[in-house]
Each structure stands twice: as structure tokens, then as C-alpha cells.
């Protein structure tokens, strides 16, 4: 979905502060491969991230891989750009090795609740819910808590959060890395993030992190979790088209902005 040239042309008369200095791209879109992991991440141990799921989406146009988070016995949350255009998804529960989950469930798009105001052009409202058959929780498969509504007023800036997933190991990676990866990332202010992506893309709906030493989310991590103190604060949304290791910020959908939307659509309270 190379929508960013269109975005720049459409907004060419806008002030420079609105426009991205580095073109953004969803981690889903960087390469056609679904293999890999977080760049420069660490191997997760079994049951370290019981809320992490892998999502294998399919459509008439092809297939792609994303991440997601279990937030209830019958609900997974992911990014809207992951569900967009899909006809079905196979959910991999309890996997540390990507191809060896504890179990899988396949559901059709009728069980997707994609945000009704999702905009692929502005990368806005990048959040979806997936209704699943009821899952019995265990040490390997469990939910992650949502943040408290009071956290809506926190920027989280300076806090260290953890991202996990099966995205690419590097910008040049081609080989499959089957092990779930994670990395600690420092949250930055939206003002700093806007210096790269502009204020049209980075709003109060987002959280951004710094990506020093080439450590970042990458292709295949889309929709996956950013967690702080065992609570889900972000959903992997977009990074720089210059590459995962280019040192530009990575942006996430801010979960506190969507607490009411999640409650209305799933019944899950924060």
C-alpha cells in the first residue's frame, strides 16, 4: 500500500511541519515475505509473552503475517492495516517457535471489527478486533491487561516498554527466523516523533519509540504489542520507509485513546 506519494502530492501546499521528512510505511508492507523477527532483538523464552499471537491473514490477492495480543477469552486486538482486505486469519496461540503454536484457530472476516474510521492514507485509527472461539487460559496462553483510563493523560515519554513479534531480523534479511523476538524500546514524545513523520500522521492517537543501534520493529511485527508494566499500551503501526535499521522512530497505535471503542465493541473494560 504505497499511499505515501499520494499523501505528499495531495498535501504539497501544506506547511513543512505537517509533512513527513521520512516517508512512513506499515511493517506489513516493507517486503512480501512473512519471515523474520524484530531487528537486533532477543530470543523470548517459552511462556514469556503468553498474550502474543501470530496472525496469518489470507485474501484473494495473497497472504501476509502480523502479530496481535490476546485481551480476553474471545478477543484479539491487532492493527487495522493487518485486517484490511483479508478474508480470513489463522491465529497462532502460545507460540515461541512461530510454526509450533500450542493451537490455532481460523476465523473469517465476519469476525473482524475493523475501526470504522480507519484511514490508510493518514494511518489513523489503525486498530482492529478479532472475535475468536473461547480460549482457555494457561501459562502459555493468557491475556494482557489494558491500561487504566487515568493513563490516557500520560505521554509515557522516557518509559521503557517491550515490543515482541516475528518481524524481519534486518533490512536485508531473507532467511526465516522462527523464534519469537523481543526488545526494550524507550518511548519518546510525539513532538519528537513529529519531527520525522509530521503532525498529520503523528497525533494523540499514537505513541512513538526511539530505535537506537538498529533495534526496532520490522516487517511481520505489524499489529503486535508494545507493553509497559504488563499492560498493553501500543499496537505496532508504522515506521520509516528508509528501513527498520535507519534510526527513525517507530509509531504505535495508542491503546488508551481507544479504550472506549474496545469496550463498546468487545465488552472488555479497562
Protein backbone atom coordinates (compact mmCIF):
# COMPACT_ATOMS: atom_id res chain seq x y z
CA UNK A 1 0.00 0.00 0.00
CA UNK A 2 2.33 2.71 -1.21
CA UNK A 3 -0.03 5.54 -0.34
CA UNK A 4 2.63 7.96 0.78
CA UNK A 5 3.46 9.52 -2.59
CA UNK A 6 -0.23 10.29 -2.96
CA UNK A 7 -0.24 11.79 0.51
CA UNK A 8 2.70 14.07 -0.22
CA UNK A 9 1.28 15.24 -3.54
CA UNK A 10 -2.13 15.92 -2.06
CA UNK A 11 -0.64 17.96 0.74
CA UNK A 12 2.15 19.68 -1.16
CA UNK A 13 0.85 23.11 -0.25
CA UNK A 14 0.74 22.36 3.47
CA UNK A 15 3.34 23.64 5.88
CA UNK A 16 6.53 21.63 6.28
CA UNK A 17 5.70 20.65 9.85
CA UNK A 18 2.68 18.68 8.68
CA UNK A 19 4.58 16.55 6.20
CA UNK A 20 6.85 13.60 6.93
CA UNK A 21 10.60 14.10 6.44
CA UNK A 22 10.88 10.34 6.20
CA UNK A 23 8.08 8.54 4.37
CA UNK A 24 6.22 6.17 6.71
CA UNK A 25 5.29 2.60 5.89
CA UNK A 26 3.47 -0.17 7.70
CA UNK A 27 5.73 -3.04 8.78
CA UNK A 28 3.34 -5.27 6.81
CA UNK A 29 4.37 -3.52 3.58
CA UNK A 30 8.16 -3.48 3.66
CA UNK A 31 8.66 -6.81 1.87
CA UNK A 32 6.42 -9.61 0.54
CA UNK A 33 7.98 -12.14 2.92
CA UNK A 34 6.34 -13.11 6.21
CA UNK A 35 9.55 -14.44 7.71
CA UNK A 36 11.93 -12.87 10.19
CA UNK A 37 11.95 -11.12 13.57
CA UNK A 38 12.45 -7.82 15.37
CA UNK A 39 15.78 -6.31 14.31
CA UNK A 40 18.55 -6.88 16.85
CA UNK A 41 16.09 -8.39 19.32
CA UNK A 42 16.49 -11.14 21.87
CA UNK A 43 15.07 -14.66 21.88
CA UNK A 44 11.96 -14.98 24.03
CA UNK A 45 11.69 -17.96 26.33
CA UNK A 46 8.64 -20.19 26.38
CA UNK A 47 5.64 -18.57 28.08
CA UNK A 48 7.38 -15.19 28.37
CA UNK A 49 4.71 -13.48 26.26
CA UNK A 50 1.55 -15.57 26.66
CA UNK A 51 -0.56 -12.74 25.23
CA UNK A 52 1.37 -12.66 21.93
CA UNK A 53 -0.29 -14.30 18.94
CA UNK A 54 0.79 -14.73 15.35
CA UNK A 55 -1.74 -13.90 12.66
CA UNK A 56 -1.60 -15.44 9.20
CA UNK A 57 -4.02 -13.48 7.01
CA UNK A 58 -5.27 -14.60 3.62
CA UNK A 59 -7.12 -12.93 0.77
CA UNK A 60 -7.74 -13.39 -2.93
CA UNK A 61 -4.72 -11.14 -3.51
CA UNK A 62 -2.30 -13.12 -1.34
CA UNK A 63 -1.32 -13.64 2.29
CA UNK A 64 0.62 -11.80 4.99
CA UNK A 65 1.79 -12.18 8.57
CA UNK A 66 1.05 -9.89 11.52
CA UNK A 67 1.10 -10.01 15.30
CA UNK A 68 -1.67 -9.46 17.82
CA UNK A 69 -2.48 -9.51 21.52
CA UNK A 70 -4.96 -11.58 23.49
CA UNK A 71 -7.13 -9.22 25.57
CA UNK A 72 -9.92 -11.65 26.52
CA UNK A 73 -11.04 -15.26 26.17
CA UNK A 74 -12.67 -14.44 22.85
CA UNK A 75 -10.80 -11.34 21.68
CA UNK A 76 -7.53 -10.47 19.96
CA UNK A 77 -6.51 -6.90 19.15
CA UNK A 78 -4.30 -6.03 16.17
CA UNK A 79 -3.80 -3.26 13.61
CA UNK A 80 -6.45 -2.28 11.07
CA UNK A 81 -3.86 -2.37 8.30
CA UNK A 82 -3.47 -6.09 9.08
CA UNK A 83 -7.18 -6.97 8.78
CA UNK A 84 -7.74 -4.60 5.85
CA UNK A 85 -8.57 -6.61 2.74
CA UNK A 86 -8.30 -10.01 4.43
CA UNK A 87 -10.92 -12.72 4.03
CA UNK A 88 -9.71 -14.92 6.91
CA UNK A 89 -6.99 -15.32 9.51
CA UNK A 90 -5.35 -18.25 11.26
CA UNK A 91 -4.41 -17.32 14.82
CA UNK A 92 -1.32 -18.94 16.33
CA UNK A 93 -1.72 -19.14 20.12
CA UNK A 94 1.09 -19.82 22.58
CA UNK A 95 3.91 -19.99 20.04
CA UNK A 96 7.54 -19.28 20.82
CA UNK A 97 8.67 -21.08 17.67
CA UNK A 98 6.40 -19.47 15.09
CA UNK A 99 5.46 -22.73 13.37
CA UNK A 100 4.81 -24.61 16.65
CA UNK A 101 1.89 -22.95 18.44
CA UNK A 102 0.01 -24.63 21.26
CA UNK A 103 -3.03 -24.49 18.99
CA UNK A 104 -4.53 -22.47 16.13
CA UNK A 105 -7.95 -21.08 15.32
CA UNK A 106 -9.11 -19.93 11.89
CA UNK A 107 -11.84 -17.29 11.63
CA UNK A 108 -13.32 -15.41 8.69
CA UNK A 109 -13.54 -11.67 8.14
CA UNK A 110 -17.08 -11.61 9.53
CA UNK A 111 -15.40 -11.90 12.93
CA UNK A 112 -13.21 -8.82 12.32
CA UNK A 113 -14.19 -5.49 13.81
CA UNK A 114 -12.02 -3.00 11.95
CA UNK A 115 -12.20 0.58 13.18
CA UNK A 116 -14.94 2.26 11.19
CA UNK A 117 -12.81 5.38 10.65
CA UNK A 118 -9.55 3.66 9.71
CA UNK A 119 -7.63 5.73 7.17
CA UNK A 120 -4.79 4.06 5.30
CA UNK A 121 -3.73 7.43 3.87
CA UNK A 122 -3.25 9.16 7.21
CA UNK A 123 -2.55 5.88 9.07
CA UNK A 124 -5.26 6.88 11.52
CA UNK A 125 -7.40 4.65 13.79
CA UNK A 126 -5.11 1.72 12.99
CA UNK A 127 -6.83 -0.81 15.25
CA UNK A 128 -8.99 -3.90 14.79
CA UNK A 129 -10.55 -6.56 17.00
CA UNK A 130 -10.83 -10.23 16.06
CA UNK A 131 -13.53 -12.38 17.67
CA UNK A 132 -12.23 -15.88 18.38
CA UNK A 133 -13.67 -19.13 19.71
CA UNK A 134 -13.38 -19.15 23.50
CA UNK A 135 -9.84 -19.84 24.64
CA UNK A 136 -8.92 -21.48 27.96
CA UNK A 137 -6.09 -19.56 29.56
CA UNK A 138 -2.90 -21.27 30.71
CA UNK A 139 0.72 -20.40 31.41
CA UNK A 140 1.31 -20.42 27.64
CA UNK A 141 -1.80 -18.53 26.53
CA UNK A 142 -3.19 -15.66 28.54
CA UNK A 143 -4.48 -12.13 28.16
CA UNK A 144 -2.67 -8.85 28.65
CA UNK A 145 -4.40 -6.15 30.67
CA UNK A 146 -5.48 -2.87 29.14
CA UNK A 147 -4.13 0.32 30.67
CA UNK A 148 -6.22 2.30 33.14
CA UNK A 149 -8.20 5.25 31.82
CA UNK A 150 -6.08 7.50 34.03
CA UNK A 151 -3.13 6.64 31.80
CA UNK A 152 -4.85 8.50 28.97
CA UNK A 153 -3.14 11.62 30.25
CA UNK A 154 0.34 10.07 30.32
CA UNK A 155 2.74 10.51 27.42
CA UNK A 156 4.82 7.56 28.72
CA UNK A 157 7.84 9.55 27.49
CA UNK A 158 11.08 8.21 28.95
CA UNK A 159 9.47 4.91 29.97
CA UNK A 160 10.95 1.64 28.69
CA UNK A 161 8.38 -0.61 27.01
CA UNK A 162 8.79 -4.02 25.40
CA UNK A 163 7.83 -4.94 21.84
CA UNK A 164 7.63 -8.53 20.64
CA UNK A 165 7.00 -10.32 17.38
CA UNK A 166 8.31 -12.31 14.44
CA UNK A 167 9.32 -9.42 12.15
CA UNK A 168 12.47 -9.25 10.00
CA UNK A 169 15.88 -9.50 11.67
CA UNK A 170 17.35 -6.77 9.48
CA UNK A 171 16.62 -4.70 6.38
CA UNK A 172 18.47 -7.28 4.26
CA UNK A 173 17.18 -10.43 5.96
CA UNK A 174 15.76 -13.16 3.75
CA UNK A 175 16.03 -16.29 5.89
CA UNK A 176 13.31 -17.43 8.24
CA UNK A 177 13.99 -16.80 11.92
CA UNK A 178 11.38 -18.88 13.67
CA UNK A 179 11.94 -17.76 17.28
CA UNK A 180 9.77 -15.09 18.90
CA UNK A 181 11.84 -11.95 19.48
CA UNK A 182 11.51 -9.03 21.87
CA UNK A 183 13.29 -5.79 22.58
CA UNK A 184 13.12 -2.92 25.05
CA UNK A 185 12.34 0.46 23.48
CA UNK A 186 12.21 3.93 25.04
CA UNK A 187 9.05 5.95 24.48
CA UNK A 188 9.62 9.44 23.06
CA UNK A 189 7.30 12.43 22.96
CA UNK A 190 5.01 12.88 19.98
CA UNK A 191 6.68 16.24 19.37
CA UNK A 192 9.97 14.47 18.73
CA UNK A 193 8.25 11.85 16.56
CA UNK A 194 6.56 14.59 14.53
CA UNK A 195 9.98 15.87 13.52
CA UNK A 196 10.25 12.73 11.40
CA UNK A 197 6.68 11.93 10.38
CA UNK A 198 4.87 15.27 10.67
CA UNK A 199 1.86 16.29 12.74
CA UNK A 200 -0.70 14.96 10.25
CA UNK A 201 0.45 11.40 10.86
CA UNK A 202 1.57 11.56 14.49
CA UNK A 203 -1.31 12.66 16.72
CA UNK A 204 -2.72 11.89 20.15
CA UNK A 205 -3.75 8.54 18.69
CA UNK A 206 -0.10 7.44 18.59
CA UNK A 207 2.84 6.50 20.79
CA UNK A 208 6.36 6.54 19.35
CA UNK A 209 9.62 4.93 20.41
CA UNK A 210 13.26 5.60 19.63
CA UNK A 211 15.15 2.94 17.63
CA UNK A 212 18.84 3.27 18.52
CA UNK A 213 21.54 0.90 17.26
CA UNK A 214 19.22 -0.52 14.62
CA UNK A 215 16.84 -2.03 17.18
CA UNK A 216 13.24 -1.70 16.04
CA UNK A 217 10.04 -3.38 14.99
CA UNK A 218 10.10 -4.54 11.37
CA UNK A 219 8.08 -6.31 8.67
CA UNK A 220 6.00 -9.07 10.25
CA UNK A 221 5.61 -7.21 13.56
CA UNK A 222 2.55 -5.22 12.42
CA UNK A 223 -0.33 -5.32 14.90
CA UNK A 224 1.84 -6.75 17.67
CA UNK A 225 2.11 -5.49 21.25
CA UNK A 226 4.01 -2.72 22.97
CA UNK A 227 3.72 -3.47 26.68
CA UNK A 228 4.58 -1.49 29.79
CA UNK A 229 4.22 -2.91 33.32
CA UNK A 230 2.24 -5.88 31.98
CA UNK A 231 -0.27 -3.61 30.22
CA UNK A 232 -0.84 -3.12 26.51
CA UNK A 233 -0.05 0.50 25.64
CA UNK A 234 0.63 0.24 21.90
CA UNK A 235 -0.09 -1.67 18.68
CA UNK A 236 2.66 -1.76 16.04
CA UNK A 237 1.54 0.60 13.29
CA UNK A 238 4.23 2.19 11.12
CA UNK A 239 7.90 3.04 10.74
CA UNK A 240 10.16 4.70 8.19
CA UNK A 241 10.24 3.54 4.57
CA UNK A 242 14.00 4.12 4.81
CA UNK A 243 14.24 0.84 6.71
CA UNK A 244 13.90 -0.74 10.13
CA UNK A 245 17.54 -0.02 10.98
CA UNK A 246 17.62 3.57 9.73
CA UNK A 247 17.29 5.01 13.24
CA UNK A 248 13.98 6.78 12.70
CA UNK A 249 11.20 6.43 15.32
CA UNK A 250 8.65 3.63 15.19
CA UNK A 251 4.99 4.50 15.73
CA UNK A 252 2.27 2.55 17.51
CA UNK A 253 -1.47 2.96 17.88
CA UNK A 254 -2.05 4.38 21.37
CA UNK A 255 -4.34 1.96 23.21
CA UNK A 256 -5.57 4.46 25.83
CA UNK A 257 -7.13 6.52 23.03
CA UNK A 258 -9.29 3.53 22.06
CA UNK A 259 -10.36 2.17 25.46
CA UNK A 260 -13.98 3.19 24.95
CA UNK A 261 -14.01 1.82 21.39
CA UNK A 262 -12.65 -1.51 22.66
CA UNK A 263 -15.26 -1.64 25.43
CA UNK A 264 -18.15 -0.82 23.12
CA UNK A 265 -17.16 -3.45 20.56
CA UNK A 266 -15.90 -6.25 22.82
CA UNK A 267 -17.37 -5.57 26.25
CA UNK A 268 -13.86 -5.65 27.75
CA UNK A 269 -13.42 -2.96 30.39
CA UNK A 270 -10.19 -1.24 31.22
